[in-house]
C-alpha cells in the first residue's frame, strides 16, 4: 500500500511540475524536437522537477513493453513466491516472432533456462520469445496490467503480447502455426495491401499498448527510487537494464563517462516509409548518485533511423548538460 500511495503522489507532483512555467531544460527540449518529422514526446524527471514535451500524449510502446513484463515478473517474485533461479523449459510452441535469439537455442527437447535469464533476454536482447513466455506464465497481458493498476501506474497500458500485437499491426490474427517463421512469412506475404494499410492506420490510432511520456517517466522514477519494487528486485532489474545492447546510438550515445544508463528501447516496423514507433526510456544515474528518468518516444516518422537516434542522443546529452549547470 505504501508503494502505491507514493506512486500516486509522484504522479500528482509530476503533473503539477509539468504544467508549471517551462524552465531552461524544457525550453531546450522544445528546441530539439521542434520541426522533427512525426510526433515526438519527451519527459525528463528527477526528485524535484519535471520537463516534458507532449507529455500527456499517448505513444505506442513497442518493445518498451518488455520492461513492464520485467516489472511484473519481479512483482511475482515478491508476491507469488516465484524464484529468479527457478528452472523452466522453453519449447517450440512457446516461441514468438520477429526478434527472438532464444529461438535458435530451442531444440526438440526445448531449452532449459531460468526466470532470471528470461527477464534478462527480454530486456537486454529484446527477445520476444522470452517476453511472451513470461507473459503467459504470469497469466496473460491482463495480469501484467493488473500489476500496473495495483501500483496505481497512470498513463501506461499493457494489452497484448508480442505475438498478437505484431501480427495485428500487419493485418493478421495470431495463429499457433505462426511459431514457424516460414509459415508466418507466407501469411504476411498474402495479406492484401489494402488490409495492411488499414491495419497500420488502426495501429497508429490505437490506445492499446501505449504510454504517455509523463506516465513512463513517473514509473521509471518510482522504479529507480525503490518505491515500486523491493530493494533486491529494484537492484536486479536496474542492473539488467544497464546491460541493454539494442540501439546504442539512441540515448546511450549521449551519455558521458561517469554516468550510467539503465534503459529499454522499442521499435516498430516501417510501412510505406513511416515508422510508427522509435523509443528509448531509462534512468540516468549521475556521478553524484542523482537519478533522472528520461523518456523519448517518436511516432509516425519518415525521418531516417539515424536522425531518430540522433534526436534521442541529443536529448540525453542536453539533460546531462543542464543537470550539471542548473539542474532540471
Protein backbone atom coordinates (compact mmCIF):
# COMPACT_ATOMS: atom_id res chain seq x y z
CA UNK A 1 0.00 0.00 0.00
CA UNK A 2 2.82 2.41 0.89
CA UNK A 3 4.38 1.95 -2.54
CA UNK A 4 1.06 2.58 -4.28
CA UNK A 5 0.46 5.78 -2.28
CA UNK A 6 3.98 7.00 -3.05
CA UNK A 7 3.47 6.33 -6.73
CA UNK A 8 0.12 8.14 -6.79
CA UNK A 9 1.68 11.14 -5.01
CA UNK A 10 4.53 11.15 -7.52
CA UNK A 11 2.03 11.29 -10.39
CA UNK A 12 0.28 14.31 -8.84
CA UNK A 13 3.52 16.15 -8.14
CA UNK A 14 4.82 15.40 -11.62
CA UNK A 15 1.64 16.69 -13.24
CA UNK A 16 1.94 19.93 -11.26
CA UNK A 17 5.59 20.32 -12.22
CA UNK A 18 4.90 19.55 -15.87
CA UNK A 19 2.21 22.21 -16.03
CA UNK A 20 4.39 24.90 -14.47
CA UNK A 21 6.23 27.61 -16.37
CA UNK A 22 8.76 25.91 -18.65
CA UNK A 23 12.32 26.05 -17.36
CA UNK A 24 15.60 26.07 -19.22
CA UNK A 25 15.62 22.34 -19.85
CA UNK A 26 12.06 22.29 -21.10
CA UNK A 27 12.83 25.15 -23.50
CA UNK A 28 15.87 23.24 -24.72
CA UNK A 29 13.77 20.10 -25.28
CA UNK A 30 11.23 22.14 -27.23
CA UNK A 31 14.03 23.46 -29.47
CA UNK A 32 15.45 19.97 -30.03
CA UNK A 33 12.10 18.46 -31.03
CA UNK A 34 10.61 21.40 -32.95
CA UNK A 35 10.05 20.62 -36.62
CA UNK A 36 11.09 16.97 -36.36
CA UNK A 37 9.21 14.70 -38.74
CA UNK A 38 6.47 12.86 -36.84
CA UNK A 39 5.18 13.14 -33.28
CA UNK A 40 7.79 13.46 -30.55
CA UNK A 41 7.16 13.01 -26.84
CA UNK A 42 9.85 13.67 -24.26
CA UNK A 43 9.75 13.70 -20.48
CA UNK A 44 12.61 14.14 -18.02
CA UNK A 45 12.14 13.87 -14.28
CA UNK A 46 14.29 13.92 -11.17
CA UNK A 47 13.37 14.01 -7.50
CA UNK A 48 12.14 17.60 -7.60
CA UNK A 49 11.17 18.64 -11.11
CA UNK A 50 9.78 17.54 -14.46
CA UNK A 51 10.24 18.81 -18.02
CA UNK A 52 8.07 17.42 -20.80
CA UNK A 53 7.21 17.95 -24.45
CA UNK A 54 3.85 16.42 -25.36
CA UNK A 55 3.97 14.70 -22.01
CA UNK A 56 0.27 13.82 -21.96
CA UNK A 57 0.03 12.40 -25.50
CA UNK A 58 -0.08 8.63 -26.00
CA UNK A 59 2.65 6.84 -27.94
CA UNK A 60 2.98 3.16 -28.93
CA UNK A 61 5.34 1.26 -26.64
CA UNK A 62 6.56 -1.49 -28.92
CA UNK A 63 9.36 -3.34 -27.08
CA UNK A 64 9.38 -0.92 -24.17
CA UNK A 65 6.51 -3.19 -23.06
CA UNK A 66 9.19 -5.77 -22.20
CA UNK A 67 10.26 -3.58 -19.31
CA UNK A 68 6.70 -3.82 -17.98
CA UNK A 69 6.92 -7.59 -18.20
CA UNK A 70 10.16 -7.44 -16.23
CA UNK A 71 8.45 -5.36 -13.55
CA UNK A 72 5.51 -7.78 -13.39
CA UNK A 73 7.87 -10.74 -13.11
CA UNK A 74 9.77 -9.14 -10.23
CA UNK A 75 6.42 -8.42 -8.60
CA UNK A 76 5.57 -12.14 -8.91
CA UNK A 77 8.83 -12.98 -7.17
CA UNK A 78 7.79 -10.75 -4.28
CA UNK A 79 4.09 -11.63 -4.09
CA UNK A 80 3.66 -15.08 -5.60
CA UNK A 81 6.75 -16.92 -4.42
CA UNK A 82 8.46 -17.10 -7.82
CA UNK A 83 12.22 -17.58 -7.74
CA UNK A 84 14.55 -15.95 -10.23
CA UNK A 85 16.69 -19.09 -10.20
CA UNK A 86 13.72 -21.34 -10.90
CA UNK A 87 14.33 -23.67 -13.84
CA UNK A 88 11.89 -23.53 -16.75
CA UNK A 89 11.81 -25.13 -20.20
CA UNK A 90 11.02 -23.11 -23.31
CA UNK A 91 9.60 -25.31 -26.07
CA UNK A 92 8.90 -24.77 -29.76
CA UNK A 93 5.27 -23.98 -29.09
CA UNK A 94 6.35 -21.17 -26.76
CA UNK A 95 8.17 -19.24 -29.47
CA UNK A 96 7.03 -15.87 -30.73
CA UNK A 97 8.08 -13.85 -33.79
CA UNK A 98 10.45 -11.17 -35.03
CA UNK A 99 13.42 -10.62 -32.69
CA UNK A 100 13.89 -13.82 -30.68
CA UNK A 101 17.51 -15.01 -30.46
CA UNK A 102 16.24 -17.59 -27.98
CA UNK A 103 14.60 -19.49 -30.86
CA UNK A 104 18.00 -20.70 -32.08
CA UNK A 105 18.55 -22.48 -28.74
CA UNK A 106 15.21 -24.29 -28.60
CA UNK A 107 15.65 -27.89 -29.78
CA UNK A 108 13.15 -30.72 -29.95
CA UNK A 109 13.60 -31.18 -26.20
CA UNK A 110 13.21 -27.48 -25.55
CA UNK A 111 15.68 -25.11 -23.90
CA UNK A 112 16.26 -25.20 -20.16
CA UNK A 113 16.87 -21.86 -18.51
CA UNK A 114 15.75 -19.72 -15.54
CA UNK A 115 13.21 -16.97 -14.90
CA UNK A 116 16.07 -14.54 -14.33
CA UNK A 117 17.63 -15.42 -17.69
CA UNK A 118 14.32 -14.86 -19.47
CA UNK A 119 13.92 -11.41 -17.90
CA UNK A 120 17.47 -10.59 -18.95
CA UNK A 121 16.88 -11.78 -22.50
CA UNK A 122 13.59 -9.90 -22.76
CA UNK A 123 15.18 -6.59 -21.76
CA UNK A 124 18.82 -6.87 -22.84
CA UNK A 125 18.22 -8.58 -26.20
CA UNK A 126 14.57 -7.51 -26.63
CA UNK A 127 13.76 -11.20 -27.10
CA UNK A 128 10.08 -11.68 -27.95
CA UNK A 129 10.06 -15.40 -27.16
CA UNK A 130 11.40 -14.76 -23.65
CA UNK A 131 8.84 -11.99 -23.21
CA UNK A 132 5.83 -13.98 -24.37
CA UNK A 133 6.85 -16.98 -22.26
CA UNK A 134 6.85 -14.74 -19.17
CA UNK A 135 3.55 -13.09 -20.12
CA UNK A 136 1.89 -16.50 -20.46
CA UNK A 137 3.32 -17.69 -17.15
CA UNK A 138 2.10 -14.53 -15.42
CA UNK A 139 -1.42 -15.26 -16.66
CA UNK A 140 -1.59 -13.20 -19.84
CA UNK A 141 -1.50 -9.47 -20.64
CA UNK A 142 -4.24 -8.68 -18.15
CA UNK A 143 -2.03 -9.97 -15.34
CA UNK A 144 0.70 -7.50 -16.33
CA UNK A 145 -1.81 -4.65 -16.41
CA UNK A 146 -3.13 -5.67 -13.01
CA UNK A 147 0.35 -5.18 -11.55
CA UNK A 148 0.46 -1.67 -13.01
CA UNK A 149 -3.04 -0.95 -11.72
CA UNK A 150 -2.20 -2.19 -8.22
CA UNK A 151 0.74 0.20 -8.11
CA UNK A 152 -1.51 2.98 -9.44
CA UNK A 153 0.63 3.48 -12.52
CA UNK A 154 -1.04 6.15 -14.64
CA UNK A 155 -0.76 6.64 -18.39
CA UNK A 156 0.76 3.23 -19.21
CA UNK A 157 -1.17 0.37 -20.87
CA UNK A 158 -0.28 -3.28 -21.48
CA UNK A 159 -2.84 -5.06 -23.64
CA UNK A 160 -1.20 -7.67 -25.89
CA UNK A 161 1.78 -9.97 -26.03
CA UNK A 162 4.23 -9.66 -28.92
CA UNK A 163 2.57 -12.43 -30.93
CA UNK A 164 -0.78 -10.67 -31.10
CA UNK A 165 0.49 -7.13 -31.29
CA UNK A 166 2.85 -7.64 -34.20
CA UNK A 167 0.52 -9.79 -36.28
CA UNK A 168 -2.40 -7.39 -35.80
CA UNK A 169 -0.26 -4.47 -36.98
CA UNK A 170 0.27 -6.39 -40.22
CA UNK A 171 -3.39 -7.28 -40.72
CA UNK A 172 -3.26 -10.83 -39.38
CA UNK A 173 -4.67 -12.63 -36.37
CA UNK A 174 -2.17 -14.75 -34.45
CA UNK A 175 -2.34 -18.49 -35.03
CA UNK A 176 -0.20 -21.04 -33.23
CA UNK A 177 1.25 -22.28 -36.52
CA UNK A 178 2.98 -18.90 -36.88
CA UNK A 179 5.67 -20.07 -34.46
CA UNK A 180 7.12 -21.50 -37.67
CA UNK A 181 8.72 -18.43 -39.21
CA UNK A 182 8.29 -19.73 -42.75
CA UNK A 183 4.55 -20.12 -42.22
CA UNK A 184 4.30 -16.63 -40.81
CA UNK A 185 6.28 -15.15 -43.71
CA UNK A 186 3.94 -16.77 -46.23
CA UNK A 187 0.90 -15.48 -44.37
CA UNK A 188 2.33 -11.94 -44.25
CA UNK A 189 3.10 -12.03 -47.97
CA UNK A 190 -0.52 -13.00 -48.68
CA UNK A 191 -2.05 -10.04 -46.79
CA UNK A 192 -3.66 -7.68 -49.34
CA UNK A 193 -2.06 -4.24 -49.34
CA UNK A 194 -5.39 -2.55 -48.60
CA UNK A 195 -5.78 -4.63 -45.45
CA UNK A 196 -2.17 -3.94 -44.47
CA UNK A 197 -2.75 -0.21 -44.94
CA UNK A 198 -5.90 -0.29 -42.82
CA UNK A 199 -4.22 -2.29 -40.06
CA UNK A 200 -1.27 0.10 -39.93
CA UNK A 201 -3.55 3.15 -39.76
CA UNK A 202 -5.55 1.49 -37.00
CA UNK A 203 -2.37 0.84 -35.03
CA UNK A 204 -1.35 4.50 -35.30
CA UNK A 205 -4.58 5.47 -33.53
CA UNK A 206 -4.86 2.53 -31.13
CA UNK A 207 -4.69 3.45 -27.42
CA UNK A 208 -3.73 -0.11 -26.53
CA UNK A 209 -0.10 -0.85 -25.65
CA UNK A 210 0.75 2.83 -25.32
CA UNK A 211 2.11 5.21 -22.72
CA UNK A 212 2.36 8.92 -22.13
CA UNK A 213 5.90 10.27 -21.70
CA UNK A 214 4.92 11.65 -18.29
CA UNK A 215 3.42 8.35 -17.14
CA UNK A 216 6.53 6.45 -18.18
CA UNK A 217 8.87 8.99 -16.56
CA UNK A 218 7.00 8.72 -13.25
CA UNK A 219 7.08 4.91 -13.47
CA UNK A 220 10.85 4.97 -14.03
CA UNK A 221 11.38 7.33 -11.09
CA UNK A 222 9.33 5.06 -8.88
CA UNK A 223 11.37 2.06 -10.02
CA UNK A 224 14.71 3.80 -9.56
CA UNK A 225 13.85 5.12 -6.10
CA UNK A 226 12.67 1.76 -4.82
CA UNK A 227 9.02 2.66 -4.25
CA UNK A 228 7.74 0.24 -6.90
CA UNK A 229 9.60 -2.98 -6.04
CA UNK A 230 11.64 -4.35 -3.16
CA UNK A 231 15.30 -3.28 -2.87
CA UNK A 232 16.53 -6.63 -4.20
CA UNK A 233 14.15 -6.62 -7.17
CA UNK A 234 14.96 -2.98 -7.91
CA UNK A 235 18.69 -3.63 -7.92
CA UNK A 236 18.40 -6.67 -10.18
CA UNK A 237 16.07 -5.06 -12.70
CA UNK A 238 18.15 -1.88 -12.98
CA UNK A 239 21.29 -3.99 -13.32
CA UNK A 240 19.70 -5.87 -16.21
CA UNK A 241 18.62 -2.60 -17.84
CA UNK A 242 22.21 -1.30 -17.80
CA UNK A 243 23.17 -4.29 -19.98
CA UNK A 244 20.77 -3.43 -22.83
CA UNK A 245 22.52 -3.95 -26.16
CA UNK A 246 19.86 -2.76 -28.59
CA UNK A 247 20.28 0.59 -30.35
CA UNK A 248 23.34 2.03 -28.58
CA UNK A 249 23.09 5.05 -30.92
CA UNK A 250 19.99 6.36 -29.11
CA UNK A 251 20.01 7.64 -25.50
CA UNK A 252 23.22 5.79 -24.71
CA UNK A 253 25.15 7.74 -27.35
CA UNK A 254 24.51 10.95 -25.41
CA UNK A 255 25.65 9.64 -22.01
CA UNK A 256 29.18 10.71 -21.00
CA UNK A 257 31.71 8.70 -18.97
CA UNK A 258 30.92 8.61 -15.29
CA UNK A 259 27.17 8.42 -15.86
CA UNK A 260 25.19 5.19 -16.22
CA UNK A 261 22.04 4.45 -18.18
CA UNK A 262 19.56 1.68 -17.36
CA UNK A 263 17.16 1.59 -20.28
CA UNK A 264 14.85 -0.22 -22.70
CA UNK A 265 14.36 0.51 -26.37
CA UNK A 266 11.41 -0.16 -28.65
CA UNK A 267 10.97 -0.01 -32.41
CA UNK A 268 8.16 -0.79 -34.82
CA UNK A 269 8.44 -1.84 -38.40
CA UNK A 270 8.24 0.69 -41.22
CA UNK A 271 5.34 0.73 -43.63
CA UNK A 272 5.28 2.94 -46.73
CA UNK A 273 8.19 4.92 -45.36
CA UNK A 274 6.57 5.62 -41.98
CA UNK A 275 7.97 4.18 -38.74
CA UNK A 276 5.17 4.03 -36.18
CA UNK A 277 7.39 3.91 -33.09
CA UNK A 278 11.00 4.61 -32.18
CA UNK A 279 11.54 4.67 -28.42
CA UNK A 280 14.13 4.71 -25.69
CA UNK A 281 13.32 5.09 -22.00
CA UNK A 282 15.55 4.79 -18.98
CA UNK A 283 17.13 6.04 -15.80
CA UNK A 284 20.29 8.12 -15.84
CA UNK A 285 22.47 7.95 -12.75
CA UNK A 286 24.80 10.91 -12.31
CA UNK A 287 28.26 10.55 -10.77
CA UNK A 288 26.87 12.02 -7.54
CA UNK A 289 24.05 9.46 -7.45
CA UNK A 290 21.20 11.65 -8.71
CA UNK A 291 18.52 9.67 -10.55
CA UNK A 292 16.97 11.17 -13.69
CA UNK A 293 14.34 9.37 -15.73
CA UNK A 294 14.45 10.11 -19.45
CA UNK A 295 11.74 9.13 -21.93
CA UNK A 296 11.80 9.72 -25.67
CA UNK A 297 9.01 8.47 -27.93
CA UNK A 298 8.94 9.19 -31.68
CA UNK A 299 5.80 8.20 -33.59
CA UNK A 300 4.76 8.19 -37.24
CA UNK A 301 8.07 9.48 -38.54
CA UNK A 302 9.57 9.43 -42.03
CA UNK A 303 12.95 10.54 -40.70
CA UNK A 304 15.85 8.14 -41.14
CA UNK A 305 16.74 5.78 -38.31
CA UNK A 306 19.99 7.71 -37.93
CA UNK A 307 18.17 11.01 -37.46
CA UNK A 308 15.72 9.50 -35.00
CA UNK A 309 18.59 8.06 -32.98
CA UNK A 310 20.47 11.37 -33.12
CA UNK A 311 17.50 13.21 -31.65
CA UNK A 312 17.43 10.79 -28.73
CA UNK A 313 21.16 11.09 -28.15
CA UNK A 314 20.79 14.88 -28.23
CA UNK A 315 18.08 14.69 -25.56
CA UNK A 316 20.34 12.66 -23.26
CA UNK A 317 23.27 15.00 -23.92
CA UNK A 318 21.12 18.03 -23.17
CA UNK A 319 19.77 16.53 -19.95
CA UNK A 320 23.31 15.90 -18.72
CA UNK A 321 24.45 19.42 -19.62
CA UNK A 322 21.51 21.05 -17.84
CA UNK A 323 21.88 18.78 -14.85
CA UNK A 324 25.49 19.85 -14.47
CA UNK A 325 24.83 23.56 -14.83
CA UNK A 326 21.44 24.43 -13.39
CA UNK A 327 19.55 21.28 -12.57
CA UNK A 328 16.34 20.31 -14.29
